[in-house]
C-alpha cells in the first residue's frame, strides 16, 4: 500500500476512511477507532522496485559469483537482490529528497 490515511489516535494506516459529520462539517475518520485521519503517502525511495538512495526505477542486473546484483545507473548504488545487502553506496548528490 503506497497511499491511504494515517490515524492520529491509533497510528494505523488504512486504505479507506469513513466519513463522519460533526456540526455540519464532514471529516474523514479511522474505520477502527473513529479518530480523525490525515492523508498518507509512502516516500518513493521506500517503495518496492525503487532505488533506496535516489528513488530511480531503472536498474542493470548482473550475476557475480552466484549472487544477483542490482546496479542503479542514476546514483551508482549496488545491492545484492537476495539479501538486500548494500555492496556500494550511491552518490549522495543524487540522493532522493522529497519536496514539501
PDB file of N, CA and C in Angstrom:
ATOM      1  N   UNK A   1       0.847  -1.176   0.000  1.00  0.00           N
ATOM      2  CA  UNK A   1       0.000   0.000   0.000  1.00  0.00           C
ATOM      3  C   UNK A   1       0.894   1.240   0.000  1.00  0.00           C
ATOM      4  N   UNK A   2       0.689   2.108  -0.953  1.00  0.00           N
ATOM      5  CA  UNK A   2       1.517   3.300  -1.082  1.00  0.00           C
ATOM      6  C   UNK A   2       0.791   4.573  -0.680  1.00  0.00           C
ATOM      7  N   UNK A   3      -0.522   4.541  -0.670  1.00  0.00           N
ATOM      8  CA  UNK A   3      -1.311   5.718  -0.285  1.00  0.00           C
ATOM      9  C   UNK A   3      -2.434   5.289   0.637  1.00  0.00           C
ATOM     10  N   UNK A   4      -2.886   6.209   1.444  1.00  0.00           N
ATOM     11  CA  UNK A   4      -4.000   5.904   2.331  1.00  0.00           C
ATOM     12  C   UNK A   4      -4.184   7.013   3.339  1.00  0.00           C
ATOM     13  N   UNK A   5      -4.644   6.623   4.512  1.00  0.00           N
ATOM     14  CA  UNK A   5      -4.898   7.572   5.589  1.00  0.00           C
ATOM     15  C   UNK A   5      -4.257   7.049   6.862  1.00  0.00           C
ATOM     16  N   UNK A   6      -3.623   7.946   7.634  1.00  0.00           N
ATOM     17  CA  UNK A   6      -2.998   7.572   8.892  1.00  0.00           C
ATOM     18  C   UNK A   6      -3.796   8.173  10.042  1.00  0.00           C
ATOM     19  N   UNK A   7      -4.153   7.330  10.987  1.00  0.00           N
ATOM     20  CA  UNK A   7      -4.963   7.760  12.122  1.00  0.00           C
ATOM     21  C   UNK A   7      -4.110   8.542  13.120  1.00  0.00           C
ATOM     22  N   UNK A   8      -4.646   9.643  13.619  1.00  0.00           N
ATOM     23  CA  UNK A   8      -3.916  10.453  14.605  1.00  0.00           C
ATOM     24  C   UNK A   8      -3.877   9.780  15.967  1.00  0.00           C
ATOM     25  N   UNK A   9      -4.910   9.000  16.286  1.00  0.00           N
ATOM     26  CA  UNK A   9      -5.007   8.390  17.618  1.00  0.00           C
ATOM     27  C   UNK A   9      -4.286   7.042  17.712  1.00  0.00           C
ATOM     28  N   UNK A  10      -4.661   6.100  16.839  1.00  0.00           N
ATOM     29  CA  UNK A  10      -4.094   4.752  16.959  1.00  0.00           C
ATOM     30  C   UNK A  10      -2.868   4.542  16.076  1.00  0.00           C
ATOM     31  N   UNK A  11      -2.599   5.441  15.123  1.00  0.00           N
ATOM     32  CA  UNK A  11      -1.398   5.364  14.303  1.00  0.00           C
ATOM     33  C   UNK A  11      -1.473   4.372  13.164  1.00  0.00           C
ATOM     34  N   UNK A  12      -2.612   3.716  12.982  1.00  0.00           N
ATOM     35  CA  UNK A  12      -2.736   2.750  11.894  1.00  0.00           C
ATOM     36  C   UNK A  12      -2.869   3.447  10.560  1.00  0.00           C
ATOM     37  N   UNK A  13      -2.389   2.779   9.524  1.00  0.00           N
ATOM     38  CA  UNK A  13      -2.534   3.281   8.159  1.00  0.00           C
ATOM     39  C   UNK A  13      -3.610   2.454   7.487  1.00  0.00           C
ATOM     40  N   UNK A  14      -4.658   3.115   6.998  1.00  0.00           N
ATOM     41  CA  UNK A  14      -5.794   2.445   6.377  1.00  0.00           C
ATOM     42  C   UNK A  14      -5.897   2.872   4.922  1.00  0.00           C
ATOM     43  N   UNK A  15      -6.356   1.951   4.065  1.00  0.00           N
ATOM     44  CA  UNK A  15      -6.549   2.294   2.661  1.00  0.00           C
ATOM     45  C   UNK A  15      -7.754   3.203   2.488  1.00  0.00           C
ATOM     46  N   UNK A  16      -8.803   2.943   3.241  1.00  0.00           N
ATOM     47  CA  UNK A  16     -10.029   3.723   3.118  1.00  0.00           C
ATOM     48  C   UNK A  16     -10.422   4.282   4.476  1.00  0.00           C
ATOM     49  N   UNK A  17     -11.048   5.443   4.450  1.00  0.00           N
ATOM     50  CA  UNK A  17     -11.525   6.068   5.675  1.00  0.00           C
ATOM     51  C   UNK A  17     -13.021   6.314   5.537  1.00  0.00           C
ATOM     52  N   UNK A  18     -13.704   6.312   6.676  1.00  0.00           N
ATOM     53  CA  UNK A  18     -15.136   6.598   6.671  1.00  0.00           C
ATOM     54  C   UNK A  18     -15.329   8.107   6.791  1.00  0.00           C
ATOM     55  N   UNK A  19     -16.492   8.575   6.356  1.00  0.00           N
ATOM     56  CA  UNK A  19     -16.828   9.991   6.522  1.00  0.00           C
ATOM     57  C   UNK A  19     -17.763  10.145   7.708  1.00  0.00           C
ATOM     58  N   UNK A  20     -17.535  11.199   8.476  1.00  0.00           N
ATOM     59  CA  UNK A  20     -18.348  11.483   9.646  1.00  0.00           C
ATOM     60  C   UNK A  20     -18.659  12.968   9.641  1.00  0.00           C
ATOM     61  N   UNK A  21     -19.882  13.330   9.976  1.00  0.00           N
ATOM     62  CA  UNK A  21     -20.285  14.728  10.006  1.00  0.00           C
ATOM     63  C   UNK A  21     -20.364  15.193  11.456  1.00  0.00           C
ATOM     64  N   UNK A  22     -19.622  16.255  11.748  1.00  0.00           N
ATOM     65  CA  UNK A  22     -19.646  16.871  13.086  1.00  0.00           C
ATOM     66  C   UNK A  22     -19.960  18.340  12.892  1.00  0.00           C
ATOM     67  N   UNK A  23     -21.054  18.792  13.429  1.00  0.00           N
ATOM     68  CA  UNK A  23     -21.506  20.195  13.309  1.00  0.00           C
ATOM     69  C   UNK A  23     -21.542  20.642  11.843  1.00  0.00           C
ATOM     70  N   UNK A  24     -22.166  19.820  10.994  1.00  0.00           N
ATOM     71  CA  UNK A  24     -22.348  20.085   9.567  1.00  0.00           C
ATOM     72  C   UNK A  24     -21.033  20.163   8.772  1.00  0.00           C
ATOM     73  N   UNK A  25     -19.955  19.672   9.347  1.00  0.00           N
ATOM     74  CA  UNK A  25     -18.665  19.628   8.656  1.00  0.00           C
ATOM     75  C   UNK A  25     -18.268  18.163   8.505  1.00  0.00           C
ATOM     76  N   UNK A  26     -17.915  17.761   7.276  1.00  0.00           N
ATOM     77  CA  UNK A  26     -17.546  16.372   7.022  1.00  0.00           C
ATOM     78  C   UNK A  26     -16.061  16.157   7.313  1.00  0.00           C
ATOM     79  N   UNK A  27     -15.771  15.091   8.036  1.00  0.00           N
ATOM     80  CA  UNK A  27     -14.407  14.696   8.373  1.00  0.00           C
ATOM     81  C   UNK A  27     -14.191  13.261   7.932  1.00  0.00           C
ATOM     82  N   UNK A  28     -12.952  12.913   7.645  1.00  0.00           N
ATOM     83  CA  UNK A  28     -12.582  11.528   7.386  1.00  0.00           C
ATOM     84  C   UNK A  28     -12.110  10.939   8.711  1.00  0.00           C
ATOM     85  N   UNK A  29     -12.608   9.744   9.050  1.00  0.00           N
ATOM     86  CA  UNK A  29     -12.271   9.109  10.323  1.00  0.00           C
ATOM     87  C   UNK A  29     -11.779   7.688  10.091  1.00  0.00           C
ATOM     88  N   UNK A  30     -11.058   7.180  11.053  1.00  0.00           N
ATOM     89  CA  UNK A  30     -10.492   5.830  11.026  1.00  0.00           C
ATOM     90  C   UNK A  30     -11.623   4.804  11.162  1.00  0.00           C
ATOM     91  N   UNK A  31     -11.623   3.756  10.348  1.00  0.00           N
ATOM     92  CA  UNK A  31     -12.664   2.738  10.474  1.00  0.00           C
ATOM     93  C   UNK A  31     -12.509   1.873  11.726  1.00  0.00           C
ATOM     94  N   UNK A  32     -11.336   1.903  12.373  1.00  0.00           N
ATOM     95  CA  UNK A  32     -11.096   1.074  13.551  1.00  0.00           C
ATOM     96  C   UNK A  32     -11.481   1.777  14.855  1.00  0.00           C
ATOM     97  N   UNK A  33     -11.061   3.056  15.005  1.00  0.00           N
ATOM     98  CA  UNK A  33     -11.277   3.727  16.296  1.00  0.00           C
ATOM     99  C   UNK A  33     -12.088   5.013  16.174  1.00  0.00           C
ATOM    100  N   UNK A  34     -12.488   5.393  14.976  1.00  0.00           N
ATOM    101  CA  UNK A  34     -13.261   6.613  14.702  1.00  0.00           C
ATOM    102  C   UNK A  34     -12.510   7.897  15.050  1.00  0.00           C
ATOM    103  N   UNK A  35     -11.177   7.853  15.039  1.00  0.00           N
ATOM    104  CA  UNK A  35     -10.369   9.053  15.237  1.00  0.00           C
ATOM    105  C   UNK A  35     -10.120   9.737  13.897  1.00  0.00           C
ATOM    106  N   UNK A  36      -9.786  11.021  13.929  1.00  0.00           N
ATOM    107  CA  UNK A  36      -9.517  11.759  12.698  1.00  0.00           C
ATOM    108  C   UNK A  36      -8.262  11.223  12.005  1.00  0.00           C
ATOM    109  N   UNK A  37      -8.262  11.264  10.677  1.00  0.00           N
ATOM    110  CA  UNK A  37      -7.134  10.746   9.900  1.00  0.00           C
ATOM    111  C   UNK A  37      -6.539  11.837   9.027  1.00  0.00           C
ATOM    112  N   UNK A  38      -5.274  11.655   8.659  1.00  0.00           N
ATOM    113  CA  UNK A  38      -4.568  12.542   7.742  1.00  0.00           C
ATOM    114  C   UNK A  38      -4.191  11.751   6.500  1.00  0.00           C
ATOM    115  N   UNK A  39      -4.138  12.404   5.319  1.00  0.00           N
ATOM    116  CA  UNK A  39      -3.679  11.694   4.125  1.00  0.00           C
ATOM    117  C   UNK A  39      -2.233  11.239   4.315  1.00  0.00           C
ATOM    118  N   UNK A  40      -1.908  10.063   3.781  1.00  0.00           N
ATOM    119  CA  UNK A  40      -0.588   9.482   3.953  1.00  0.00           C
ATOM    120  C   UNK A  40      -0.106   8.931   2.623  1.00  0.00           C
ATOM    121  N   UNK A  41       1.193   9.088   2.342  1.00  0.00           N
ATOM    122  CA  UNK A  41       1.787   8.522   1.131  1.00  0.00           C
ATOM    123  C   UNK A  41       3.195   8.049   1.449  1.00  0.00           C
ATOM    124  N   UNK A  42       3.516   6.823   1.021  1.00  0.00           N
ATOM    125  CA  UNK A  42       4.843   6.270   1.262  1.00  0.00           C
ATOM    126  C   UNK A  42       5.854   6.988   0.370  1.00  0.00           C
ATOM    127  N   UNK A  43       7.013   7.394   0.910  1.00  0.00           N
ATOM    128  CA  UNK A  43       8.028   8.039   0.076  1.00  0.00           C
ATOM    129  C   UNK A  43       8.483   7.114  -1.049  1.00  0.00           C
ATOM    130  N   UNK A  44       8.881   7.702  -2.176  1.00  0.00           N
ATOM    131  CA  UNK A  44       9.279   6.923  -3.347  1.00  0.00           C
ATOM    132  C   UNK A  44      10.425   5.970  -3.062  1.00  0.00           C
ATOM    133  N   UNK A  45      11.400   6.396  -2.241  1.00  0.00           N
ATOM    134  CA  UNK A  45      12.568   5.545  -2.030  1.00  0.00           C
ATOM    135  C   UNK A  45      12.293   4.378  -1.080  1.00  0.00           C
ATOM    136  N   UNK A  46      11.096   4.277  -0.523  1.00  0.00           N
ATOM    137  CA  UNK A  46      10.745   3.136   0.318  1.00  0.00           C
ATOM    138  C   UNK A  46       9.826   2.163  -0.409  1.00  0.00           C
ATOM    139  N   UNK A  47       9.497   2.437  -1.655  1.00  0.00           N
ATOM    140  CA  UNK A  47       8.599   1.574  -2.406  1.00  0.00           C
ATOM    141  C   UNK A  47       9.371   0.437  -3.068  1.00  0.00           C
ATOM    142  N   UNK A  48       8.716  -0.726  -3.228  1.00  0.00           N
ATOM    143  CA  UNK A  48       9.387  -1.833  -3.909  1.00  0.00           C
ATOM    144  C   UNK A  48       9.689  -1.472  -5.358  1.00  0.00           C
ATOM    145  N   UNK A  49      10.833  -1.923  -5.860  1.00  0.00           N
ATOM    146  CA  UNK A  49      11.219  -1.661  -7.233  1.00  0.00           C
ATOM    147  C   UNK A  49      11.861  -0.302  -7.446  1.00  0.00           C
ATOM    148  N   UNK A  50      12.144   0.432  -6.376  1.00  0.00           N
ATOM    149  CA  UNK A  50      12.801   1.738  -6.463  1.00  0.00           C
ATOM    150  C   UNK A  50      14.134   1.687  -5.738  1.00  0.00           C
ATOM    151  N   UNK A  51      15.063   2.509  -6.196  1.00  0.00           N
ATOM    152  CA  UNK A  51      16.369   2.623  -5.539  1.00  0.00           C
ATOM    153  C   UNK A  51      16.182   3.289  -4.179  1.00  0.00           C
ATOM    154  N   UNK A  52      16.834   2.742  -3.141  1.00  0.00           N
ATOM    155  CA  UNK A  52      16.665   3.308  -1.802  1.00  0.00           C
ATOM    156  C   UNK A  52      17.456   4.595  -1.613  1.00  0.00           C
ATOM    157  N   UNK A  53      18.318   4.932  -2.558  1.00  0.00           N
ATOM    158  CA  UNK A  53      19.096   6.169  -2.471  1.00  0.00           C
ATOM    159  C   UNK A  53      18.463   7.291  -3.289  1.00  0.00           C
ATOM    160  N   UNK A  54      18.221   7.037  -4.589  1.00  0.00           N
ATOM    161  CA  UNK A  54      17.757   8.123  -5.461  1.00  0.00           C
ATOM    162  C   UNK A  54      16.315   7.954  -5.928  1.00  0.00           C
ATOM    163  N   UNK A  55      15.635   6.857  -5.572  1.00  0.00           N
ATOM    164  CA  UNK A  55      14.253   6.557  -5.943  1.00  0.00           C
ATOM    165  C   UNK A  55      14.092   6.324  -7.436  1.00  0.00           C
ATOM    166  N   UNK A  56      15.178   5.994  -8.129  1.00  0.00           N
ATOM    167  CA  UNK A  56      15.088   5.665  -9.552  1.00  0.00           C
ATOM    168  C   UNK A  56      14.493   4.286  -9.746  1.00  0.00           C
ATOM    169  N   UNK A  57      13.878   4.059 -10.897  1.00  0.00           N
ATOM    170  CA  UNK A  57      13.237   2.783 -11.154  1.00  0.00           C
ATOM    171  C   UNK A  57      13.911   1.969 -12.243  1.00  0.00           C
ATOM    172  N   UNK A  58      15.120   2.345 -12.660  1.00  0.00           N
ATOM    173  CA  UNK A  58      15.828   1.644 -13.728  1.00  0.00           C
ATOM    174  C   UNK A  58      17.089   1.014 -13.132  1.00  0.00           C
ATOM    175  N   UNK A  59      17.317  -0.279 -13.447  1.00  0.00           N
ATOM    176  CA  UNK A  59      18.461  -0.989 -12.877  1.00  0.00           C
ATOM    177  C   UNK A  59      19.152  -1.835 -13.931  1.00  0.00           C
ATOM    178  N   UNK A  60      20.438  -2.081 -13.730  1.00  0.00           N
ATOM    179  CA  UNK A  60      21.207  -3.045 -14.500  1.00  0.00           C
ATOM    180  C   UNK A  60      21.452  -4.237 -13.579  1.00  0.00           C
ATOM    181  N   UNK A  61      21.148  -5.456 -14.056  1.00  0.00           N
ATOM    182  CA  UNK A  61      21.329  -6.656 -13.254  1.00  0.00           C
ATOM    183  C   UNK A  61      22.550  -7.416 -13.736  1.00  0.00           C
ATOM    184  N   UNK A  62      23.252  -8.061 -12.811  1.00  0.00           N
ATOM    185  CA  UNK A  62      24.433  -8.844 -13.153  1.00  0.00           C
ATOM    186  C   UNK A  62      24.568  -9.997 -12.169  1.00  0.00           C
ATOM    187  N   UNK A  63      25.046 -11.145 -12.656  1.00  0.00           N
ATOM    188  CA  UNK A  63      25.357 -12.292 -11.803  1.00  0.00           C
ATOM    189  C   UNK A  63      26.855 -12.279 -11.524  1.00  0.00           C
ATOM    190  N   UNK A  64      27.242 -12.185 -10.265  1.00  0.00           N
ATOM    191  CA  UNK A  64      28.648 -12.176  -9.871  1.00  0.00           C
ATOM    192  C   UNK A  64      28.831 -13.215  -8.775  1.00  0.00           C
ATOM    193  N   UNK A  65      29.615 -14.268  -9.070  1.00  0.00           N
ATOM    194  CA  UNK A  65      29.899 -15.348  -8.120  1.00  0.00           C
ATOM    195  C   UNK A  65      28.619 -15.942  -7.542  1.00  0.00           C
ATOM    196  N   UNK A  66      27.618 -16.129  -8.376  1.00  0.00           N
ATOM    197  CA  UNK A  66      26.363 -16.741  -7.943  1.00  0.00           C
ATOM    198  C   UNK A  66      25.416 -15.805  -7.222  1.00  0.00           C
ATOM    199  N   UNK A  67      25.735 -14.540  -7.153  1.00  0.00           N
ATOM    200  CA  UNK A  67      24.875 -13.544  -6.494  1.00  0.00           C
ATOM    201  C   UNK A  67      24.293 -12.613  -7.542  1.00  0.00           C
ATOM    202  N   UNK A  68      23.000 -12.315  -7.441  1.00  0.00           N
ATOM    203  CA  UNK A  68      22.352 -11.379  -8.343  1.00  0.00           C
ATOM    204  C   UNK A  68      22.532  -9.977  -7.765  1.00  0.00           C
ATOM    205  N   UNK A  69      23.207  -9.104  -8.518  1.00  0.00           N
ATOM    206  CA  UNK A  69      23.465  -7.733  -8.078  1.00  0.00           C
ATOM    207  C   UNK A  69      22.645  -6.774  -8.919  1.00  0.00           C
ATOM    208  N   UNK A  70      22.155  -5.727  -8.282  1.00  0.00           N
ATOM    209  CA  UNK A  70      21.345  -4.712  -8.937  1.00  0.00           C
ATOM    210  C   UNK A  70      22.075  -3.375  -8.842  1.00  0.00           C
ATOM    211  N   UNK A  71      22.394  -2.787 -10.001  1.00  0.00           N
ATOM    212  CA  UNK A  71      23.119  -1.528 -10.055  1.00  0.00           C
ATOM    213  C   UNK A  71      22.188  -0.434 -10.560  1.00  0.00           C
ATOM    214  N   UNK A  72      22.088   0.668  -9.830  1.00  0.00           N
ATOM    215  CA  UNK A  72      21.283   1.815 -10.247  1.00  0.00           C
ATOM    216  C   UNK A  72      22.165   2.735 -11.085  1.00  0.00           C
ATOM    217  N   UNK A  73      21.824   2.983 -12.365  1.00  0.00           N
ATOM    218  CA  UNK A  73      22.664   3.855 -13.187  1.00  0.00           C
ATOM    219  C   UNK A  73      22.563   5.324 -12.788  1.00  0.00           C
ATOM    220  N   UNK A  74      21.529   5.694 -12.058  1.00  0.00           N
ATOM    221  CA  UNK A  74      21.360   7.090 -11.653  1.00  0.00           C
ATOM    222  C   UNK A  74      22.345   7.526 -10.581  1.00  0.00           C
ATOM    223  N   UNK A  75      22.535   6.691  -9.557  1.00  0.00           N
ATOM    224  CA  UNK A  75      23.416   7.090  -8.451  1.00  0.00           C
ATOM    225  C   UNK A  75      24.592   6.147  -8.252  1.00  0.00           C
ATOM    226  N   UNK A  76      24.581   4.970  -8.896  1.00  0.00           N
ATOM    227  CA  UNK A  76      25.696   4.041  -8.779  1.00  0.00           C
ATOM    228  C   UNK A  76      25.607   3.081  -7.613  1.00  0.00           C
ATOM    229  N   UNK A  77      24.490   3.020  -6.899  1.00  0.00           N
ATOM    230  CA  UNK A  77      24.354   2.113  -5.771  1.00  0.00           C
ATOM    231  C   UNK A  77      24.231   0.680  -6.269  1.00  0.00           C
ATOM    232  N   UNK A  78      24.930  -0.253  -5.598  1.00  0.00           N
ATOM    233  CA  UNK A  78      24.883  -1.669  -5.940  1.00  0.00           C
ATOM    234  C   UNK A  78      24.340  -2.428  -4.733  1.00  0.00           C
ATOM    235  N   UNK A  79      23.302  -3.262  -4.977  1.00  0.00           N
ATOM    236  CA  UNK A  79      22.634  -4.003  -3.903  1.00  0.00           C
ATOM    237  C   UNK A  79      22.546  -5.469  -4.303  1.00  0.00           C
ATOM    238  N   UNK A  80      22.761  -6.370  -3.326  1.00  0.00           N
ATOM    239  CA  UNK A  80      22.522  -7.791  -3.530  1.00  0.00           C
ATOM    240  C   UNK A  80      21.014  -8.004  -3.436  1.00  0.00           C
ATOM    241  N   UNK A  81      20.420  -8.550  -4.492  1.00  0.00           N
ATOM    242  CA  UNK A  81      18.965  -8.671  -4.571  1.00  0.00           C
ATOM    243  C   UNK A  81      18.414  -9.628  -3.522  1.00  0.00           C
ATOM    244  N   UNK A  82      19.102 -10.741  -3.260  1.00  0.00           N
ATOM    245  CA  UNK A  82      18.584 -11.756  -2.347  1.00  0.00           C
ATOM    246  C   UNK A  82      18.653 -11.335  -0.886  1.00  0.00           C
ATOM    247  N   UNK A  83      19.757 -10.736  -0.455  1.00  0.00           N
ATOM    248  CA  UNK A  83      19.936 -10.402   0.959  1.00  0.00           C
ATOM    249  C   UNK A  83      19.679  -8.929   1.273  1.00  0.00           C
ATOM    250  N   UNK A  84      19.437  -8.099   0.260  1.00  0.00           N
ATOM    251  CA  UNK A  84      19.229  -6.652   0.413  1.00  0.00           C
ATOM    252  C   UNK A  84      20.441  -5.957   1.022  1.00  0.00           C
ATOM    253  N   UNK A  85      21.624  -6.570   0.894  1.00  0.00           N
ATOM    254  CA  UNK A  85      22.866  -6.001   1.406  1.00  0.00           C
ATOM    255  C   UNK A  85      23.389  -4.952   0.427  1.00  0.00           C
ATOM    256  N   UNK A  86      23.777  -3.791   0.945  1.00  0.00           N
ATOM    257  CA  UNK A  86      24.329  -2.732   0.114  1.00  0.00           C
ATOM    258  C   UNK A  86      25.812  -3.026  -0.107  1.00  0.00           C
ATOM    259  N   UNK A  87      26.197  -3.260  -1.371  1.00  0.00           N
ATOM    260  CA  UNK A  87      27.582  -3.559  -1.710  1.00  0.00           C
ATOM    261  C   UNK A  87      28.367  -2.257  -1.875  1.00  0.00           C
ATOM    262  N   UNK A  88      27.790  -1.291  -2.594  1.00  0.00           N
ATOM    263  CA  UNK A  88      28.432   0.002  -2.807  1.00  0.00           C
ATOM    264  C   UNK A  88      27.397   1.094  -2.608  1.00  0.00           C
ATOM    265  N   UNK A  89      27.739   2.088  -1.802  1.00  0.00           N
ATOM    266  CA  UNK A  89      26.835   3.214  -1.539  1.00  0.00           C
ATOM    267  C   UNK A  89      26.647   4.049  -2.797  1.00  0.00           C
ATOM    268  N   UNK A  90      25.487   4.684  -2.899  1.00  0.00           N
ATOM    269  CA  UNK A  90      25.204   5.546  -4.033  1.00  0.00           C
ATOM    270  C   UNK A  90      25.771   6.941  -3.828  1.00  0.00           C
ATOM    271  N   UNK A  91      25.836   7.693  -4.898  1.00  0.00           N
ATOM    272  CA  UNK A  91      26.334   9.059  -4.878  1.00  0.00           C
ATOM    273  C   UNK A  91      25.351   9.944  -4.102  1.00  0.00           C
ATOM    274  N   UNK A  92      25.819  10.665  -3.105  1.00  0.00           N
ATOM    275  CA  UNK A  92      24.942  11.456  -2.237  1.00  0.00           C
ATOM    276  C   UNK A  92      24.343  12.677  -2.931  1.00  0.00           C
ATOM    277  N   UNK A  93      24.936  13.146  -4.023  1.00  0.00           N
ATOM    278  CA  UNK A  93      24.353  14.311  -4.700  1.00  0.00           C
ATOM    279  C   UNK A  93      23.105  13.929  -5.491  1.00  0.00           C
ATOM    280  N   UNK A  94      22.891  12.618  -5.705  1.00  0.00           N
ATOM    281  CA  UNK A  94      21.679  12.140  -6.370  1.00  0.00           C
ATOM    282  C   UNK A  94      20.646  11.625  -5.364  1.00  0.00           C
ATOM    283  N   UNK A  95      20.877  11.852  -4.082  1.00  0.00           N
ATOM    284  CA  UNK A  95      20.007  11.323  -3.035  1.00  0.00           C
ATOM    285  C   UNK A  95      18.599  11.896  -3.156  1.00  0.00           C
ATOM    286  N   UNK A  96      17.588  11.041  -2.906  1.00  0.00           N
ATOM    287  CA  UNK A  96      16.182  11.428  -3.006  1.00  0.00           C
ATOM    288  C   UNK A  96      15.810  12.330  -1.844  1.00  0.00           C
ATOM    289  N   UNK A  97      15.301  13.511  -2.161  1.00  0.00           N
ATOM    290  CA  UNK A  97      14.819  14.441  -1.136  1.00  0.00           C
ATOM    291  C   UNK A  97      13.407  14.861  -1.551  1.00  0.00           C
ATOM    292  N   UNK A  98      12.380  14.399  -0.824  1.00  0.00           N
ATOM    293  CA  UNK A  98      11.007  14.742  -1.219  1.00  0.00           C
ATOM    294  C   UNK A  98      10.746  16.232  -1.078  1.00  0.00           C
ATOM    295  N   UNK A  99       9.961  16.781  -1.999  1.00  0.00           N
ATOM    296  CA  UNK A  99       9.571  18.193  -1.922  1.00  0.00           C
ATOM    297  C   UNK A  99       8.429  18.350  -0.957  1.00  0.00           C
ATOM    298  N   UNK A 100       8.561  19.297  -0.041  1.00  0.00           N
ATOM    299  CA  UNK A 100       7.480  19.540   0.928  1.00  0.00           C
ATOM    300  C   UNK A 100       7.162  20.998   0.976  1.00  0.00           C
TER     301      UNK A 100
END
